[in-house]
N, C-alpha and C. Protein backbone atom coordinates (compact mmCIF):
# COMPACT_ATOMS: atom_id res chain seq x y z
N UNK A 1 33.85 -5.52 -3.20
CA UNK A 1 33.47 -4.44 -3.92
C UNK A 1 32.22 -4.85 -5.03
N UNK A 2 31.07 -4.26 -5.32
CA UNK A 2 30.40 -4.76 -6.42
C UNK A 2 30.88 -3.72 -7.43
N UNK A 3 30.60 -4.60 -8.67
CA UNK A 3 31.03 -3.78 -10.12
C UNK A 3 29.54 -2.60 -10.30
N UNK A 4 29.76 -2.09 -11.15
CA UNK A 4 28.80 -0.95 -11.38
C UNK A 4 27.65 -1.78 -11.81
N UNK A 5 27.42 -3.08 -12.40
CA UNK A 5 25.86 -3.24 -13.16
C UNK A 5 25.44 -3.80 -11.80
N UNK A 6 26.32 -4.74 -10.87
CA UNK A 6 25.89 -5.34 -9.70
C UNK A 6 25.12 -4.31 -8.61
N UNK A 7 25.85 -2.75 -8.71
CA UNK A 7 25.39 -1.51 -7.79
C UNK A 7 23.87 -1.18 -8.23
N UNK A 8 24.10 -1.13 -9.60
CA UNK A 8 22.64 -1.03 -10.07
C UNK A 8 21.59 -1.87 -10.13
N UNK A 9 21.90 -3.08 -10.22
CA UNK A 9 20.91 -4.31 -9.69
C UNK A 9 20.62 -3.99 -8.25
N UNK A 10 20.72 -3.63 -7.78
CA UNK A 10 20.67 -3.82 -5.87
C UNK A 10 19.96 -2.59 -5.56
N UNK A 11 20.24 -1.35 -6.72
CA UNK A 11 19.26 -0.39 -6.59
C UNK A 11 18.21 -0.45 -6.99
N UNK A 12 17.67 -1.68 -7.86
CA UNK A 12 16.72 -1.33 -8.63
C UNK A 12 15.66 -2.26 -7.71
N UNK A 13 16.72 -3.22 -7.06
CA UNK A 13 15.87 -4.18 -6.05
C UNK A 13 14.95 -3.50 -5.41
N UNK A 14 16.03 -2.52 -4.70
CA UNK A 14 15.57 -1.57 -3.65
C UNK A 14 13.94 -0.63 -4.19
N UNK A 15 14.29 -0.39 -5.35
CA UNK A 15 12.96 0.43 -6.05
C UNK A 15 11.76 -0.41 -6.00
N UNK A 16 11.88 -1.89 -6.41
CA UNK A 16 10.94 -2.75 -6.56
C UNK A 16 10.39 -3.18 -5.28
N UNK A 17 10.83 -2.67 -4.27
CA UNK A 17 10.68 -3.22 -2.92
C UNK A 17 9.98 -1.96 -2.42
N UNK A 18 10.31 -0.29 -2.86
CA UNK A 18 10.14 0.91 -2.13
C UNK A 18 9.00 1.13 -3.09
N UNK A 19 8.68 1.03 -4.66
CA UNK A 19 7.42 1.52 -5.07
C UNK A 19 6.33 1.13 -4.50
N UNK A 20 6.04 -0.44 -4.19
CA UNK A 20 4.60 -0.70 -3.59
C UNK A 20 4.68 -0.37 -2.33
N UNK A 21 5.39 -0.06 -1.47
CA UNK A 21 5.09 0.65 -0.41
C UNK A 21 4.50 1.86 -0.11
N UNK A 22 5.32 2.53 -1.31
CA UNK A 22 4.63 3.75 -1.34
C UNK A 22 3.03 3.91 -2.19
N UNK A 23 2.79 2.58 -2.95
CA UNK A 23 1.60 2.79 -3.59
C UNK A 23 0.90 2.71 -2.38
N UNK A 24 0.93 1.61 -1.77
CA UNK A 24 0.15 0.92 -0.45
C UNK A 24 0.07 2.65 0.26
N UNK A 25 0.88 3.51 0.74
CA UNK A 25 0.71 4.28 1.59
C UNK A 25 -0.16 5.40 0.96
N UNK A 26 -0.21 5.61 -0.07
CA UNK A 26 -1.04 6.15 -0.60
C UNK A 26 -0.11 7.92 -1.20
N UNK A 27 1.15 7.16 -1.38
CA UNK A 27 2.07 8.76 -1.07
C UNK A 27 2.27 8.93 -2.89
N UNK A 28 1.43 9.49 -3.21
CA UNK A 28 1.33 9.71 -5.05
C UNK A 28 2.82 10.53 -5.48
N UNK A 29 3.23 11.39 -4.85
CA UNK A 29 4.82 12.01 -4.98
C UNK A 29 6.06 11.27 -4.99
N UNK A 30 6.09 10.61 -3.82
CA UNK A 30 6.64 9.31 -3.60
C UNK A 30 6.95 8.43 -5.01
N UNK A 31 5.94 7.95 -5.53
CA UNK A 31 5.57 7.11 -6.24
C UNK A 31 5.96 7.66 -7.83
N UNK A 32 5.79 9.01 -7.63
CA UNK A 32 6.20 9.30 -9.29
C UNK A 32 7.41 9.25 -8.91
N UNK A 33 8.20 9.77 -7.90
CA UNK A 33 9.41 10.27 -7.77
C UNK A 33 10.52 8.59 -8.47
N UNK A 34 9.67 7.90 -7.30
CA UNK A 34 10.66 6.52 -7.20
C UNK A 34 10.38 5.60 -8.68
N UNK A 35 8.94 5.87 -9.57
CA UNK A 35 9.03 5.77 -10.89
C UNK A 35 9.84 6.31 -11.82
N UNK A 36 10.33 7.72 -11.63
CA UNK A 36 10.90 8.30 -12.59
C UNK A 36 12.57 7.64 -12.39
N UNK A 37 12.98 7.37 -11.14
CA UNK A 37 14.47 6.77 -11.14
C UNK A 37 14.25 5.29 -11.56
N UNK A 38 13.05 4.72 -11.43
CA UNK A 38 13.15 3.25 -11.72
C UNK A 38 13.08 3.08 -13.35
N UNK A 39 12.58 4.13 -14.24
CA UNK A 39 12.95 3.97 -15.49
C UNK A 39 13.77 4.23 -16.02
N UNK A 40 14.37 4.88 -15.01
CA UNK A 40 16.40 5.66 -15.61
C UNK A 40 17.16 4.05 -15.88
N UNK A 41 17.06 2.81 -14.67
CA UNK A 41 17.22 1.88 -14.38
C UNK A 41 17.00 1.03 -14.71
N UNK A 42 15.81 0.78 -15.51
CA UNK A 42 15.10 -0.51 -15.69
C UNK A 42 15.39 -1.45 -16.73
N UNK A 43 15.23 -2.53 -16.73
CA UNK A 43 15.55 -3.20 -17.86
C UNK A 43 14.25 -4.07 -17.92
N UNK A 44 13.94 -4.69 -19.14
CA UNK A 44 12.58 -5.86 -19.33
C UNK A 44 12.19 -6.63 -18.25
N UNK A 45 13.05 -6.85 -17.52
CA UNK A 45 13.52 -7.95 -16.86
C UNK A 45 12.65 -7.40 -15.11
N UNK A 46 13.31 -6.04 -15.17
CA UNK A 46 13.02 -5.46 -13.59
C UNK A 46 11.25 -5.08 -13.61
N UNK A 47 10.53 -4.98 -15.38
CA UNK A 47 9.53 -4.49 -15.21
C UNK A 47 8.29 -5.89 -14.94
N UNK A 48 8.58 -6.89 -15.19
CA UNK A 48 8.01 -8.18 -14.53
C UNK A 48 8.24 -7.99 -13.07
N UNK A 49 9.32 -7.96 -12.28
CA UNK A 49 9.73 -7.93 -11.08
C UNK A 49 8.78 -7.01 -10.49
N UNK A 50 8.53 -5.74 -10.71
CA UNK A 50 7.79 -4.54 -10.44
C UNK A 50 6.50 -4.82 -10.27
N UNK A 51 5.98 -5.64 -11.67
CA UNK A 51 4.27 -5.76 -11.80
C UNK A 51 4.14 -7.33 -10.36
N UNK A 52 5.00 -8.24 -10.55
CA UNK A 52 5.00 -9.05 -9.21
C UNK A 52 5.25 -8.51 -8.05
N UNK A 53 5.85 -7.19 -7.62
CA UNK A 53 5.70 -6.35 -6.71
C UNK A 53 4.62 -6.20 -6.17
N UNK A 54 3.76 -5.43 -7.06
CA UNK A 54 2.62 -4.53 -6.99
C UNK A 54 1.47 -5.37 -6.96
N UNK A 55 1.55 -6.28 -7.81
CA UNK A 55 0.36 -7.76 -7.82
C UNK A 55 0.18 -8.45 -5.62
N UNK A 56 1.44 -8.10 -5.31
CA UNK A 56 1.45 -8.81 -3.97
C UNK A 56 0.79 -7.53 -3.18
N UNK A 57 1.02 -6.43 -3.46
CA UNK A 57 0.94 -5.10 -2.58
C UNK A 57 -0.55 -4.96 -2.59
N UNK A 58 -1.51 -5.63 -3.56
CA UNK A 58 -2.82 -4.76 -3.97
C UNK A 58 -3.87 -5.80 -2.78
N UNK A 59 -4.29 -5.08 -2.21
CA UNK A 59 -5.37 -5.66 -1.21
C UNK A 59 -5.88 -6.79 -1.84
N UNK A 60 -6.75 -7.49 -1.24
CA UNK A 60 -7.75 -8.53 -1.60
C UNK A 60 -8.58 -8.12 -2.16
N UNK A 61 -9.01 -8.42 -3.41
CA UNK A 61 -10.47 -8.53 -3.93
C UNK A 61 -10.53 -6.71 -4.76
N UNK A 62 -9.09 -6.17 -4.91
CA UNK A 62 -8.51 -4.69 -5.34
C UNK A 62 -8.72 -5.18 -6.91
N UNK A 63 -9.49 -4.46 -7.92
CA UNK A 63 -8.69 -4.55 -9.57
C UNK A 63 -8.65 -3.29 -9.64
N UNK A 64 -7.84 -3.43 -11.32
CA UNK A 64 -7.12 -2.22 -11.74
C UNK A 64 -6.08 -1.80 -12.04
C-alpha cells in the first residue's frame, strides 16, 4: 500500500497529465479547478513537470 507522500505524488502526476488535456480542450472551468487542486499539492519540482507538459501540449507555432 502506498504511503501518504507516494499517494500525493501519484495524484500530482495525474494532475500534470490532466491540466494540458483540459487546456487543449479549451475547458477553462476544468483548467481552473485542476490548477486549484494542483496548487494545494505542488512542490517546486512539480512546477517544472507542469511546464514541460504544457510545452508539449502547445500546438506547433503557438506562442504565449
